[in-house]
Amino acid sequence: MKGIYCLVFQNQGVTLRVGALGEVAFREGWHLYVGSAQGPGGLEARVGRHIDLAAARDRRPRWHVDRLLLSDSFALRGAVCGVTDEDLECRLAAAIGGDSVEGFGCSDCKCFSHLFYRSHEPFTEIAGAFTSIRLDPQIRKSNMGGYHLNV
């Protein structure tokens, strides 16, 4: 199934080098990354790749979000997914909006960012953003010791 997703991280305050963005300071709290899974394998393959990387932390980073997945300061707490054949990634990013990291995860579009900050646990808010763009949110939270986020 193809679709879009939002990865939900809880993190400590930290500064990380993020590719061409350089050094980025991340405040302690929650970070929300909006992505698309329109290619082969759809949501299961793309979100599964992120989960595997967060669990193993044994590969070289390819995308901006990989820097978070590989960092000991970031914990993947879940994912919210929406099944769609439409390219709604940027609409979801706009619906979530708010405090963000400029240029993160959006080198292939004209968005300001695809990574957003919240000081509080954001799952209900993210589900509302999916609903606002007419998608049924599928919320998958990790059990704190593992990554069982089947989509």
C-alpha atoms as a PDB file:
ATOM      1  CA  MET A   1       0.000   0.000   0.000  1.00  0.00           C
ATOM      2  CA  LYS A   2       1.304   3.401  -0.938  1.00  0.00           C
ATOM      3  CA  GLY A   3       0.876   6.397   1.317  1.00  0.00           C
ATOM      4  CA  ILE A   4       2.360   9.089   3.513  1.00  0.00           C
ATOM      5  CA  TYR A   5       3.577   8.897   7.082  1.00  0.00           C
ATOM      6  CA  CYS A   6       4.790  10.860  10.053  1.00  0.00           C
ATOM      7  CA  LEU A   7       7.563   9.448  12.239  1.00  0.00           C
ATOM      8  CA  VAL A   8       7.387  10.532  15.876  1.00  0.00           C
ATOM      9  CA  PHE A   9      10.606  10.953  17.841  1.00  0.00           C
ATOM     10  CA  GLN A  10      11.186  11.853  21.464  1.00  0.00           C
ATOM     11  CA  ASN A  11      14.589  13.383  22.011  1.00  0.00           C
ATOM     12  CA  GLN A  12      17.114  14.963  24.306  1.00  0.00           C
ATOM     13  CA  GLY A  13      18.521  18.348  23.460  1.00  0.00           C
ATOM     14  CA  VAL A  14      21.410  17.789  21.080  1.00  0.00           C
ATOM     15  CA  THR A  15      23.307  19.288  18.159  1.00  0.00           C
ATOM     16  CA  LEU A  16      23.778  17.012  15.135  1.00  0.00           C
ATOM     17  CA  ARG A  17      25.444  17.424  11.769  1.00  0.00           C
ATOM     18  CA  VAL A  18      22.723  16.927   9.143  1.00  0.00           C
ATOM     19  CA  GLY A  19      24.319  16.689   5.703  1.00  0.00           C
ATOM     20  CA  ALA A  20      24.319  19.957   3.755  1.00  0.00           C
ATOM     21  CA  LEU A  21      22.225  21.617   6.493  1.00  0.00           C
ATOM     22  CA  GLY A  22      25.322  21.546   8.707  1.00  0.00           C
ATOM     23  CA  GLU A  23      25.080  21.661  12.497  1.00  0.00           C
ATOM     24  CA  VAL A  24      21.473  21.688  13.695  1.00  0.00           C
ATOM     25  CA  ALA A  25      20.467  22.278  17.321  1.00  0.00           C
ATOM     26  CA  PHE A  26      17.461  20.210  18.394  1.00  0.00           C
ATOM     27  CA  ARG A  27      15.532  21.167  21.519  1.00  0.00           C
ATOM     28  CA  GLU A  28      14.477  18.482  23.955  1.00  0.00           C
ATOM     29  CA  GLY A  29      10.963  17.289  23.252  1.00  0.00           C
ATOM     30  CA  TRP A  30       9.264  15.680  20.255  1.00  0.00           C
ATOM     31  CA  HIS A  31      10.121  15.891  16.560  1.00  0.00           C
ATOM     32  CA  LEU A  32       7.741  14.891  13.783  1.00  0.00           C
ATOM     33  CA  TYR A  33       9.069  13.895  10.376  1.00  0.00           C
ATOM     34  CA  VAL A  34       6.709  13.806   7.381  1.00  0.00           C
ATOM     35  CA  GLY A  35       7.571  11.420   4.564  1.00  0.00           C
ATOM     36  CA  SER A  36       6.164   9.726   1.499  1.00  0.00           C
ATOM     37  CA  ALA A  37       5.989   6.071   0.551  1.00  0.00           C
ATOM     38  CA  GLN A  38       4.859   6.131  -3.070  1.00  0.00           C
ATOM     39  CA  GLY A  39       7.599   3.843  -4.410  1.00  0.00           C
ATOM     40  CA  PRO A  40       7.956   0.072  -4.567  1.00  0.00           C
ATOM     41  CA  GLY A  41       6.923  -1.618  -1.333  1.00  0.00           C
ATOM     42  CA  GLY A  42       4.894   1.374  -0.179  1.00  0.00           C
ATOM     43  CA  LEU A  43       4.413   2.139   3.482  1.00  0.00           C
ATOM     44  CA  GLU A  44       5.562  -1.221   4.756  1.00  0.00           C
ATOM     45  CA  ALA A  45       8.939  -0.970   3.006  1.00  0.00           C
ATOM     46  CA  ARG A  46       9.619   2.704   3.740  1.00  0.00           C
ATOM     47  CA  VAL A  47       8.473   2.833   7.350  1.00  0.00           C
ATOM     48  CA  GLY A  48      10.026  -0.600   7.902  1.00  0.00           C
ATOM     49  CA  ARG A  49      13.365   0.741   6.677  1.00  0.00           C
ATOM     50  CA  HIS A  50      13.185   3.584   9.191  1.00  0.00           C
ATOM     51  CA  ILE A  51      12.295   1.214  12.020  1.00  0.00           C
ATOM     52  CA  ASP A  52      15.121  -1.168  11.116  1.00  0.00           C
ATOM     53  CA  LEU A  53      17.626   1.676  10.990  1.00  0.00           C
ATOM     54  CA  ALA A  54      16.505   3.017  14.377  1.00  0.00           C
ATOM     55  CA  ALA A  55      16.810  -0.441  15.920  1.00  0.00           C
ATOM     56  CA  ALA A  56      20.162  -1.472  14.415  1.00  0.00           C
ATOM     57  CA  ARG A  57      21.858   1.921  13.934  1.00  0.00           C
ATOM     58  CA  ASP A  58      24.351   0.157  11.697  1.00  0.00           C
ATOM     59  CA  ARG A  59      24.160   1.868   8.306  1.00  0.00           C
ATOM     60  CA  ARG A  60      25.401   5.046   6.729  1.00  0.00           C
ATOM     61  CA  PRO A  61      22.840   7.872   6.575  1.00  0.00           C
ATOM     62  CA  ARG A  62      21.140   8.447   3.222  1.00  0.00           C
ATOM     63  CA  TRP A  63      18.429  10.998   4.045  1.00  0.00           C
ATOM     64  CA  HIS A  64      18.184  13.818   6.591  1.00  0.00           C
ATOM     65  CA  VAL A  65      15.895  11.718   8.812  1.00  0.00           C
ATOM     66  CA  ASP A  66      18.561   9.006   8.988  1.00  0.00           C
ATOM     67  CA  ARG A  67      20.632  11.341  11.196  1.00  0.00           C
ATOM     68  CA  LEU A  68      17.834  11.224  13.775  1.00  0.00           C
ATOM     69  CA  LEU A  69      17.309   7.478  13.416  1.00  0.00           C
ATOM     70  CA  LEU A  70      21.040   6.872  13.981  1.00  0.00           C
ATOM     71  CA  SER A  71      21.355   9.216  16.967  1.00  0.00           C
ATOM     72  CA  ASP A  72      21.313   7.902  20.542  1.00  0.00           C
ATOM     73  CA  SER A  73      19.601  11.180  21.495  1.00  0.00           C
ATOM     74  CA  PHE A  74      16.473  10.367  19.442  1.00  0.00           C
ATOM     75  CA  ALA A  75      14.034   7.541  20.216  1.00  0.00           C
ATOM     76  CA  LEU A  76      11.493   6.506  17.591  1.00  0.00           C
ATOM     77  CA  ARG A  77       8.204   6.419  19.506  1.00  0.00           C
ATOM     78  CA  GLY A  78       5.876   5.603  16.642  1.00  0.00           C
ATOM     79  CA  ALA A  79       4.489   6.374  13.244  1.00  0.00           C
ATOM     80  CA  VAL A  80       1.201   7.628  11.884  1.00  0.00           C
ATOM     81  CA  CYS A  81       0.420   6.412   8.376  1.00  0.00           C
ATOM     82  CA  GLY A  82      -2.214   7.187   5.772  1.00  0.00           C
ATOM     83  CA  VAL A  83      -2.912   5.042   2.728  1.00  0.00           C
ATOM     84  CA  THR A  84      -3.144   7.039  -0.518  1.00  0.00           C
ATOM     85  CA  ASP A  85      -1.957   6.962  -4.108  1.00  0.00           C
ATOM     86  CA  GLU A  86      -1.913  10.768  -4.117  1.00  0.00           C
ATOM     87  CA  ASP A  87       1.212  12.788  -3.393  1.00  0.00           C
ATOM     88  CA  LEU A  88      -0.045  14.421  -0.178  1.00  0.00           C
ATOM     89  CA  GLU A  89       3.244  14.638   1.723  1.00  0.00           C
ATOM     90  CA  CYS A  90       3.501  18.422   1.410  1.00  0.00           C
ATOM     91  CA  ARG A  91      -0.160  18.900   2.336  1.00  0.00           C
ATOM     92  CA  LEU A  92       0.421  16.877   5.500  1.00  0.00           C
ATOM     93  CA  ALA A  93       3.527  18.930   6.324  1.00  0.00           C
ATOM     94  CA  ALA A  94       1.459  22.116   5.919  1.00  0.00           C
ATOM     95  CA  ALA A  95      -1.350  20.680   8.072  1.00  0.00           C
ATOM     96  CA  ILE A  96       1.106  19.852  10.880  1.00  0.00           C
ATOM     97  CA  GLY A  97       3.049  23.100  10.517  1.00  0.00           C
ATOM     98  CA  GLY A  98       4.453  25.141  13.360  1.00  0.00           C
ATOM     99  CA  ASP A  99       7.947  25.261  14.764  1.00  0.00           C
ATOM    100  CA  SER A 100      10.266  23.508  12.315  1.00  0.00           C
ATOM    101  CA  VAL A 101      13.833  22.924  11.151  1.00  0.00           C
ATOM    102  CA  GLU A 102      14.327  24.873   7.936  1.00  0.00           C
ATOM    103  CA  GLY A 103      15.207  22.750   4.910  1.00  0.00           C
ATOM    104  CA  PHE A 104      14.950  19.412   6.723  1.00  0.00           C
ATOM    105  CA  GLY A 105      13.598  16.581   4.588  1.00  0.00           C
ATOM    106  CA  CYS A 106      12.306  18.793   1.813  1.00  0.00           C
ATOM    107  CA  SER A 107      15.131  19.091  -0.711  1.00  0.00           C
ATOM    108  CA  ASP A 108      12.827  17.692  -3.414  1.00  0.00           C
ATOM    109  CA  CYS A 109       9.937  20.146  -2.904  1.00  0.00           C
ATOM    110  CA  LYS A 110       9.286  23.808  -2.103  1.00  0.00           C
ATOM    111  CA  CYS A 111       8.215  23.318   1.520  1.00  0.00           C
ATOM    112  CA  PHE A 112       9.982  25.182   4.313  1.00  0.00           C
ATOM    113  CA  SER A 113      10.443  21.932   6.254  1.00  0.00           C
ATOM    114  CA  HIS A 114       9.219  18.382   6.772  1.00  0.00           C
ATOM    115  CA  LEU A 115      10.480  18.210  10.397  1.00  0.00           C
ATOM    116  CA  PHE A 116       8.472  19.826  13.174  1.00  0.00           C
ATOM    117  CA  TYR A 117       8.973  20.356  16.897  1.00  0.00           C
ATOM    118  CA  ARG A 118       6.517  19.910  19.754  1.00  0.00           C
ATOM    119  CA  SER A 119       7.089  20.207  23.487  1.00  0.00           C
ATOM    120  CA  HIS A 120       4.318  17.675  24.193  1.00  0.00           C
ATOM    121  CA  GLU A 121       3.343  14.185  22.999  1.00  0.00           C
ATOM    122  CA  PRO A 122       1.826  14.797  19.527  1.00  0.00           C
ATOM    123  CA  PHE A 123      -0.026  11.644  18.380  1.00  0.00           C
ATOM    124  CA  THR A 124      -3.547  13.095  18.701  1.00  0.00           C
ATOM    125  CA  GLU A 125      -2.507  16.280  16.897  1.00  0.00           C
ATOM    126  CA  ILE A 126      -0.899  14.308  14.062  1.00  0.00           C
ATOM    127  CA  ALA A 127      -4.028  12.169  13.663  1.00  0.00           C
ATOM    128  CA  GLY A 128      -6.017  15.389  13.341  1.00  0.00           C
ATOM    129  CA  ALA A 129      -3.688  16.616  10.584  1.00  0.00           C
ATOM    130  CA  PHE A 130      -4.249  13.376   8.630  1.00  0.00           C
ATOM    131  CA  THR A 131      -8.014  13.728   9.065  1.00  0.00           C
ATOM    132  CA  SER A 132      -7.861  17.354   7.882  1.00  0.00           C
ATOM    133  CA  ILE A 133      -6.487  16.185   4.511  1.00  0.00           C
ATOM    134  CA  ARG A 134      -9.111  13.432   4.333  1.00  0.00           C
ATOM    135  CA  LEU A 135      -6.919  10.463   5.234  1.00  0.00           C
ATOM    136  CA  ASP A 136      -7.654   7.833   7.862  1.00  0.00           C
ATOM    137  CA  PRO A 137      -4.714   7.929  10.329  1.00  0.00           C
ATOM    138  CA  GLN A 138      -3.240   4.597  11.345  1.00  0.00           C
ATOM    139  CA  ILE A 139      -1.363   5.174  14.592  1.00  0.00           C
ATOM    140  CA  ARG A 140       1.389   2.758  15.559  1.00  0.00           C
ATOM    141  CA  LYS A 141       3.246   3.429  18.788  1.00  0.00           C
ATOM    142  CA  SER A 142       6.389   1.530  19.652  1.00  0.00           C
ATOM    143  CA  ASN A 143       6.580  -0.365  22.866  1.00  0.00           C
ATOM    144  CA  MET A 144       9.432   1.451  24.515  1.00  0.00           C
ATOM    145  CA  GLY A 145      11.718  -1.572  24.219  1.00  0.00           C
ATOM    146  CA  GLY A 146      11.126  -2.471  20.587  1.00  0.00           C
ATOM    147  CA  TYR A 147       9.954  -1.426  17.175  1.00  0.00           C
ATOM    148  CA  HIS A 148       6.785  -3.339  16.415  1.00  0.00           C
ATOM    149  CA  LEU A 149       5.176  -0.765  14.121  1.00  0.00           C
ATOM    150  CA  ASN A 150       3.576  -2.953  11.477  1.00  0.00           C
ATOM    151  CA  VAL A 151       1.684  -0.879   8.900  1.00  0.00           C
END
